[in-house]
PDB file of all heavy atoms in Angstrom:
ATOM      1  N   VAL A   1     -82.224-189.606 -94.472  1.00  0.00           N
ATOM      2  CA  VAL A   1     -83.074-189.402 -95.643  1.00  0.00           C
ATOM      3  C   VAL A   1     -82.216-188.695 -96.689  1.00  0.00           C
ATOM      4  O   VAL A   1     -81.636-187.647 -96.410  1.00  0.00           O
ATOM      5  CB  VAL A   1     -84.312-188.548 -95.306  1.00  0.00           C
ATOM      6  CG1 VAL A   1     -85.183-188.357 -96.541  1.00  0.00           C
ATOM      7  CG2 VAL A   1     -85.106-189.174 -94.172  1.00  0.00           C
ATOM      8  N   ILE A   2     -82.129-189.273 -97.861  1.00  0.00           N
ATOM      9  CA  ILE A   2     -81.348-188.685 -98.945  1.00  0.00           C
ATOM     10  C   ILE A   2     -82.322-188.210-100.015  1.00  0.00           C
ATOM     11  O   ILE A   2     -83.050-189.023-100.588  1.00  0.00           O
ATOM     12  CB  ILE A   2     -80.347-189.701 -99.526  1.00  0.00           C
ATOM     13  CG1 ILE A   2     -79.431-190.214 -98.424  1.00  0.00           C
ATOM     14  CG2 ILE A   2     -79.564-189.070-100.670  1.00  0.00           C
ATOM     15  CD1 ILE A   2     -78.536-191.351 -98.852  1.00  0.00           C
ATOM     16  N   HIS A   3     -82.341-186.917-100.247  1.00  0.00           N
ATOM     17  CA  HIS A   3     -83.191-186.352-101.289  1.00  0.00           C
ATOM     18  C   HIS A   3     -82.328-186.069-102.515  1.00  0.00           C
ATOM     19  O   HIS A   3     -81.258-185.481-102.395  1.00  0.00           O
ATOM     20  CB  HIS A   3     -83.838-185.043-100.822  1.00  0.00           C
ATOM     21  CG  HIS A   3     -84.903-185.235 -99.800  1.00  0.00           C
ATOM     22  ND1 HIS A   3     -84.632-185.322 -98.462  1.00  0.00           N
ATOM     23  CD2 HIS A   3     -86.243-185.342 -99.921  1.00  0.00           C
ATOM     24  CE1 HIS A   3     -85.764-185.479 -97.791  1.00  0.00           C
ATOM     25  NE2 HIS A   3     -86.760-185.495 -98.663  1.00  0.00           N
ATOM     26  N   HIS A   4     -82.821-186.472-103.671  1.00  0.00           N
ATOM     27  CA  HIS A   4     -82.140-186.193-104.936  1.00  0.00           C
ATOM     28  C   HIS A   4     -82.899-185.092-105.667  1.00  0.00           C
ATOM     29  O   HIS A   4     -84.133-185.084-105.685  1.00  0.00           O
ATOM     30  CB  HIS A   4     -82.105-187.453-105.813  1.00  0.00           C
ATOM     31  CG  HIS A   4     -81.276-188.549-105.238  1.00  0.00           C
ATOM     32  ND1 HIS A   4     -80.028-188.860-105.712  1.00  0.00           N
ATOM     33  CD2 HIS A   4     -81.512-189.406-104.218  1.00  0.00           C
ATOM     34  CE1 HIS A   4     -79.525-189.874-105.015  1.00  0.00           C
ATOM     35  NE2 HIS A   4     -80.424-190.211-104.093  1.00  0.00           N
ATOM     36  N   PHE A   5     -82.149-184.170-106.270  1.00  0.00           N
ATOM     37  CA  PHE A   5     -82.696-183.053-107.038  1.00  0.00           C
ATOM     38  C   PHE A   5     -81.926-182.954-108.353  1.00  0.00           C
ATOM     39  O   PHE A   5     -80.823-183.481-108.477  1.00  0.00           O
ATOM     40  CB  PHE A   5     -82.520-181.732-106.271  1.00  0.00           C
ATOM     41  CG  PHE A   5     -83.238-181.669-104.956  1.00  0.00           C
ATOM     42  CD1 PHE A   5     -82.662-182.187-103.803  1.00  0.00           C
ATOM     43  CD2 PHE A   5     -84.480-181.078-104.861  1.00  0.00           C
ATOM     44  CE1 PHE A   5     -83.316-182.126-102.584  1.00  0.00           C
ATOM     45  CE2 PHE A   5     -85.150-181.008-103.641  1.00  0.00           C
ATOM     46  CZ  PHE A   5     -84.562-181.537-102.504  1.00  0.00           C
ATOM     47  N   ASN A   6     -82.475-182.219-109.293  1.00  0.00           N
ATOM     48  CA  ASN A   6     -81.775-182.010-110.563  1.00  0.00           C
ATOM     49  C   ASN A   6     -80.634-181.014-110.435  1.00  0.00           C
ATOM     50  O   ASN A   6     -79.704-181.043-111.232  1.00  0.00           O
ATOM     51  CB  ASN A   6     -82.754-181.552-111.648  1.00  0.00           C
ATOM     52  CG  ASN A   6     -83.663-182.685-112.086  1.00  0.00           C
ATOM     53  OD1 ASN A   6     -83.277-183.848-112.079  1.00  0.00           O
ATOM     54  ND2 ASN A   6     -84.879-182.339-112.458  1.00  0.00           N
ATOM     55  N   ASP A   7     -80.691-180.133-109.425  1.00  0.00           N
ATOM     56  CA  ASP A   7     -79.610-179.164-109.226  1.00  0.00           C
ATOM     57  C   ASP A   7     -79.614-178.674-107.776  1.00  0.00           C
ATOM     58  O   ASP A   7     -80.602-178.812-107.058  1.00  0.00           O
ATOM     59  CB  ASP A   7     -79.717-177.993-110.210  1.00  0.00           C
ATOM     60  CG  ASP A   7     -81.060-177.293-110.128  1.00  0.00           C
ATOM     61  OD1 ASP A   7     -81.302-176.597-109.122  1.00  0.00           O
ATOM     62  OD2 ASP A   7     -81.869-177.450-111.065  1.00  0.00           O
ATOM     63  N   VAL A   8     -78.496-178.100-107.376  1.00  0.00           N
ATOM     64  CA  VAL A   8     -78.317-177.653-105.990  1.00  0.00           C
ATOM     65  C   VAL A   8     -79.239-176.478-105.661  1.00  0.00           C
ATOM     66  O   VAL A   8     -79.745-176.376-104.542  1.00  0.00           O
ATOM     67  CB  VAL A   8     -76.840-177.299-105.709  1.00  0.00           C
ATOM     68  CG1 VAL A   8     -76.662-176.694-104.331  1.00  0.00           C
ATOM     69  CG2 VAL A   8     -75.963-178.525-105.855  1.00  0.00           C
ATOM     70  N   ALA A   9     -79.476-175.600-106.619  1.00  0.00           N
ATOM     71  CA  ALA A   9     -80.349-174.444-106.357  1.00  0.00           C
ATOM     72  C   ALA A   9     -81.755-174.898-105.965  1.00  0.00           C
ATOM     73  O   ALA A   9     -82.356-174.339-105.042  1.00  0.00           O
ATOM     74  CB  ALA A   9     -80.403-173.536-107.586  1.00  0.00           C
ATOM     75  N   THR A  10     -82.260-175.918-106.635  1.00  0.00           N
ATOM     76  CA  THR A  10     -83.580-176.443-106.300  1.00  0.00           C
ATOM     77  C   THR A  10     -83.570-177.064-104.908  1.00  0.00           C
ATOM     78  O   THR A  10     -84.504-176.888-104.130  1.00  0.00           O
ATOM     79  CB  THR A  10     -84.025-177.478-107.351  1.00  0.00           C
ATOM     80  OG1 THR A  10     -84.020-176.860-108.641  1.00  0.00           O
ATOM     81  CG2 THR A  10     -85.407-178.029-107.052  1.00  0.00           C
ATOM     82  N   ALA A  11     -82.490-177.763-104.574  1.00  0.00           N
ATOM     83  CA  ALA A  11     -82.365-178.384-103.252  1.00  0.00           C
ATOM     84  C   ALA A  11     -82.342-177.314-102.157  1.00  0.00           C
ATOM     85  O   ALA A  11     -83.030-177.436-101.144  1.00  0.00           O
ATOM     86  CB  ALA A  11     -81.097-179.227-103.191  1.00  0.00           C
ATOM     87  N   ARG A  12     -81.577-176.274-102.374  1.00  0.00           N
ATOM     88  CA  ARG A  12     -81.493-175.208-101.373  1.00  0.00           C
ATOM     89  C   ARG A  12     -82.856-174.530-101.168  1.00  0.00           C
ATOM     90  O   ARG A  12     -83.239-174.222-100.038  1.00  0.00           O
ATOM     91  CB  ARG A  12     -80.439-174.187-101.767  1.00  0.00           C
ATOM     92  CG  ARG A  12     -79.022-174.725-101.655  1.00  0.00           C
ATOM     93  CD  ARG A  12     -77.982-173.643-101.932  1.00  0.00           C
ATOM     94  NE  ARG A  12     -76.649-174.176-101.993  1.00  0.00           N
ATOM     95  CZ  ARG A  12     -75.890-174.506-100.956  1.00  0.00           C
ATOM     96  NH1 ARG A  12     -76.361-174.346 -99.734  1.00  0.00           N
ATOM     97  NH2 ARG A  12     -74.672-174.988-101.120  1.00  0.00           N
ATOM     98  N   ALA A  13     -83.575-174.306-102.257  1.00  0.00           N
ATOM     99  CA  ALA A  13     -84.897-173.686-102.153  1.00  0.00           C
ATOM    100  C   ALA A  13     -85.856-174.595-101.385  1.00  0.00           C
ATOM    101  O   ALA A  13     -86.639-174.123-100.556  1.00  0.00           O
ATOM    102  CB  ALA A  13     -85.437-173.381-103.547  1.00  0.00           C
ATOM    103  N   PHE A  14     -85.800-175.896-101.642  1.00  0.00           N
ATOM    104  CA  PHE A  14     -86.668-176.848-100.953  1.00  0.00           C
ATOM    105  C   PHE A  14     -86.413-176.817 -99.447  1.00  0.00           C
ATOM    106  O   PHE A  14     -87.346-176.726 -98.652  1.00  0.00           O
ATOM    107  CB  PHE A  14     -86.425-178.255-101.500  1.00  0.00           C
ATOM    108  CG  PHE A  14     -87.218-179.328-100.819  1.00  0.00           C
ATOM    109  CD1 PHE A  14     -88.564-179.506-101.098  1.00  0.00           C
ATOM    110  CD2 PHE A  14     -86.622-180.179 -99.897  1.00  0.00           C
ATOM    111  CE1 PHE A  14     -89.309-180.510-100.471  1.00  0.00           C
ATOM    112  CE2 PHE A  14     -87.342-181.179 -99.270  1.00  0.00           C
ATOM    113  CZ  PHE A  14     -88.693-181.339 -99.562  1.00  0.00           C
ATOM    114  N   PHE A  15     -85.143-176.855 -99.046  1.00  0.00           N
ATOM    115  CA  PHE A  15     -84.832-176.908 -97.621  1.00  0.00           C
ATOM    116  C   PHE A  15     -84.993-175.569 -96.918  1.00  0.00           C
ATOM    117  O   PHE A  15     -85.044-175.518 -95.701  1.00  0.00           O
ATOM    118  CB  PHE A  15     -83.439-177.502 -97.399  1.00  0.00           C
ATOM    119  CG  PHE A  15     -83.420-178.978 -97.638  1.00  0.00           C
ATOM    120  CD1 PHE A  15     -82.870-179.502 -98.793  1.00  0.00           C
ATOM    121  CD2 PHE A  15     -83.996-179.849 -96.735  1.00  0.00           C
ATOM    122  CE1 PHE A  15     -82.879-180.867 -99.034  1.00  0.00           C
ATOM    123  CE2 PHE A  15     -84.024-181.207 -96.957  1.00  0.00           C
ATOM    124  CZ  PHE A  15     -83.458-181.716 -98.107  1.00  0.00           C
ATOM    125  N   ALA A  16     -85.106-174.479 -97.675  1.00  0.00           N
ATOM    126  CA  ALA A  16     -85.349-173.163 -97.086  1.00  0.00           C
ATOM    127  C   ALA A  16     -86.836-172.903 -96.883  1.00  0.00           C
ATOM    128  O   ALA A  16     -87.211-171.921 -96.240  1.00  0.00           O
ATOM    129  CB  ALA A  16     -84.751-172.082 -97.982  1.00  0.00           C
ATOM    130  N   SER A  17     -87.679-173.781 -97.381  1.00  0.00           N
ATOM    131  CA  SER A  17     -89.129-173.575 -97.333  1.00  0.00           C
ATOM    132  C   SER A  17     -89.674-173.687 -95.913  1.00  0.00           C
ATOM    133  O   SER A  17     -89.443-174.675 -95.221  1.00  0.00           O
ATOM    134  CB  SER A  17     -89.822-174.618 -98.216  1.00  0.00           C
ATOM    135  OG  SER A  17     -91.200-174.641 -97.966  1.00  0.00           O
ATOM    136  N   PRO A  18     -90.438-172.687 -95.469  1.00  0.00           N
ATOM    137  CA  PRO A  18     -91.080-172.797 -94.154  1.00  0.00           C
ATOM    138  C   PRO A  18     -92.095-173.945 -94.112  1.00  0.00           C
ATOM    139  O   PRO A  18     -92.340-174.515 -93.059  1.00  0.00           O
ATOM    140  CB  PRO A  18     -91.780-171.453 -93.954  1.00  0.00           C
ATOM    141  CG  PRO A  18     -91.531-170.640 -95.164  1.00  0.00           C
ATOM    142  CD  PRO A  18     -90.683-171.409 -96.112  1.00  0.00           C
ATOM    143  N   ASP A  19     -92.665-174.283 -95.266  1.00  0.00           N
ATOM    144  CA  ASP A  19     -93.599-175.411 -95.317  1.00  0.00           C
ATOM    145  C   ASP A  19     -92.906-176.716 -94.940  1.00  0.00           C
ATOM    146  O   ASP A  19     -93.505-177.582 -94.304  1.00  0.00           O
ATOM    147  CB  ASP A  19     -94.216-175.545 -96.709  1.00  0.00           C
ATOM    148  CG  ASP A  19     -95.154-174.395 -97.043  1.00  0.00           C
ATOM    149  OD1 ASP A  19     -95.663-173.744 -96.103  1.00  0.00           O
ATOM    150  OD2 ASP A  19     -95.359-174.145 -98.237  1.00  0.00           O
ATOM    151  N   LEU A  20     -91.641-176.863 -95.329  1.00  0.00           N
ATOM    152  CA  LEU A  20     -90.900-178.076 -94.978  1.00  0.00           C
ATOM    153  C   LEU A  20     -90.701-178.167 -93.473  1.00  0.00           C
ATOM    154  O   LEU A  20     -90.904-179.223 -92.877  1.00  0.00           O
ATOM    155  CB  LEU A  20     -89.548-178.120 -95.691  1.00  0.00           C
ATOM    156  CG  LEU A  20     -88.678-179.317 -95.322  1.00  0.00           C
ATOM    157  CD1 LEU A  20     -89.339-180.634 -95.719  1.00  0.00           C
ATOM    158  CD2 LEU A  20     -87.309-179.198 -95.968  1.00  0.00           C
ATOM    159  N   LYS A  21     -90.340-177.064 -92.861  1.00  0.00           N
ATOM    160  CA  LYS A  21     -90.155-177.067 -91.401  1.00  0.00           C
ATOM    161  C   LYS A  21     -91.444-177.468 -90.693  1.00  0.00           C
ATOM    162  O   LYS A  21     -91.435-178.277 -89.773  1.00  0.00           O
ATOM    163  CB  LYS A  21     -89.681-175.697 -90.929  1.00  0.00           C
ATOM    164  CG  LYS A  21     -89.345-175.664 -89.462  1.00  0.00           C
ATOM    165  CD  LYS A  21     -88.720-174.347 -89.050  1.00  0.00           C
ATOM    166  CE  LYS A  21     -88.305-174.409 -87.601  1.00  0.00           C
ATOM    167  NZ  LYS A  21     -87.570-173.245 -87.169  1.00  0.00           N
ATOM    168  N   ASN A  22     -92.562-176.935 -91.146  1.00  0.00           N
ATOM    169  CA  ASN A  22     -93.855-177.292 -90.554  1.00  0.00           C
ATOM    170  C   ASN A  22     -94.174-178.767 -90.765  1.00  0.00           C
ATOM    171  O   ASN A  22     -94.659-179.441 -89.851  1.00  0.00           O
ATOM    172  CB  ASN A  22     -94.966-176.425 -91.149  1.00  0.00           C
ATOM    173  CG  ASN A  22     -94.867-174.983 -90.719  1.00  0.00           C
ATOM    174  OD1 ASN A  22     -94.315-174.669 -89.675  1.00  0.00           O
ATOM    175  ND2 ASN A  22     -95.384-174.090 -91.549  1.00  0.00           N
ATOM    176  N   ALA A  23     -93.898-179.275 -91.956  1.00  0.00           N
ATOM    177  CA  ALA A  23     -94.161-180.694 -92.247  1.00  0.00           C
ATOM    178  C   ALA A  23     -93.301-181.593 -91.369  1.00  0.00           C
ATOM    179  O   ALA A  23     -93.772-182.624 -90.872  1.00  0.00           O
ATOM    180  CB  ALA A  23     -93.898-180.985 -93.720  1.00  0.00           C
ATOM    181  N   MET A  24     -92.048-181.223 -91.142  1.00  0.00           N
ATOM    182  CA  MET A  24     -91.169-182.034 -90.284  1.00  0.00           C
ATOM    183  C   MET A  24     -91.664-182.030 -88.844  1.00  0.00           C
ATOM    184  O   MET A  24     -91.636-183.061 -88.171  1.00  0.00           O
ATOM    185  CB  MET A  24     -89.726-181.546 -90.378  1.00  0.00           C
ATOM    186  CG  MET A  24     -89.075-181.884 -91.700  1.00  0.00           C
ATOM    187  SD  MET A  24     -87.285-181.615 -91.760  1.00  0.00           S
ATOM    188  CE  MET A  24     -87.143-179.884 -91.414  1.00  0.00           C
ATOM    189  N   GLN A  25     -92.145-180.887 -88.372  1.00  0.00           N
ATOM    190  CA  GLN A  25     -92.688-180.823 -87.017  1.00  0.00           C
ATOM    191  C   GLN A  25     -93.913-181.714 -86.889  1.00  0.00           C
ATOM    192  O   GLN A  25     -94.057-182.446 -85.910  1.00  0.00           O
ATOM    193  CB  GLN A  25     -93.032-179.386 -86.648  1.00  0.00           C
ATOM    194  CG  GLN A  25     -91.818-178.533 -86.383  1.00  0.00           C
ATOM    195  CD  GLN A  25     -92.183-177.084 -86.090  1.00  0.00           C
ATOM    196  OE1 GLN A  25     -93.272-176.619 -86.405  1.00  0.00           O
ATOM    197  NE2 GLN A  25     -91.238-176.366 -85.501  1.00  0.00           N
ATOM    198  N   ARG A  26     -94.800-181.673 -87.887  1.00  0.00           N
ATOM    199  CA  ARG A  26     -95.997-182.520 -87.863  1.00  0.00           C
ATOM    200  C   ARG A  26     -95.636-184.000 -87.917  1.00  0.00           C
ATOM    201  O   ARG A  26     -96.330-184.843 -87.354  1.00  0.00           O
ATOM    202  CB  ARG A  26     -96.925-182.167 -89.025  1.00  0.00           C
ATOM    203  CG  ARG A  26     -97.642-180.850 -88.869  1.00  0.00           C
ATOM    204  CD  ARG A  26     -98.752-180.662 -89.907  1.00  0.00           C
ATOM    205  NE  ARG A  26     -98.333-180.922 -91.272  1.00  0.00           N
ATOM    206  CZ  ARG A  26     -97.797-180.031 -92.101  1.00  0.00           C
ATOM    207  NH1 ARG A  26     -97.612-178.790 -91.695  1.00  0.00           N
ATOM    208  NH2 ARG A  26     -97.472-180.366 -93.341  1.00  0.00           N
ATOM    209  N   ALA A  27     -94.524-184.323 -88.573  1.00  0.00           N
ATOM    210  CA  ALA A  27     -94.087-185.718 -88.702  1.00  0.00           C
ATOM    211  C   ALA A  27     -93.374-186.212 -87.454  1.00  0.00           C
ATOM    212  O   ALA A  27     -93.061-187.390 -87.342  1.00  0.00           O
ATOM    213  CB  ALA A  27     -93.180-185.869 -89.917  1.00  0.00           C
TER     214      ALA A  27
END
């Protein structure tokens, strides 16, 4: 899965989100 962002800081914040980890577990 390749995610595109406008900048690296936004990408890092997205992947640091606990909500993302929970969503991946549910998936």
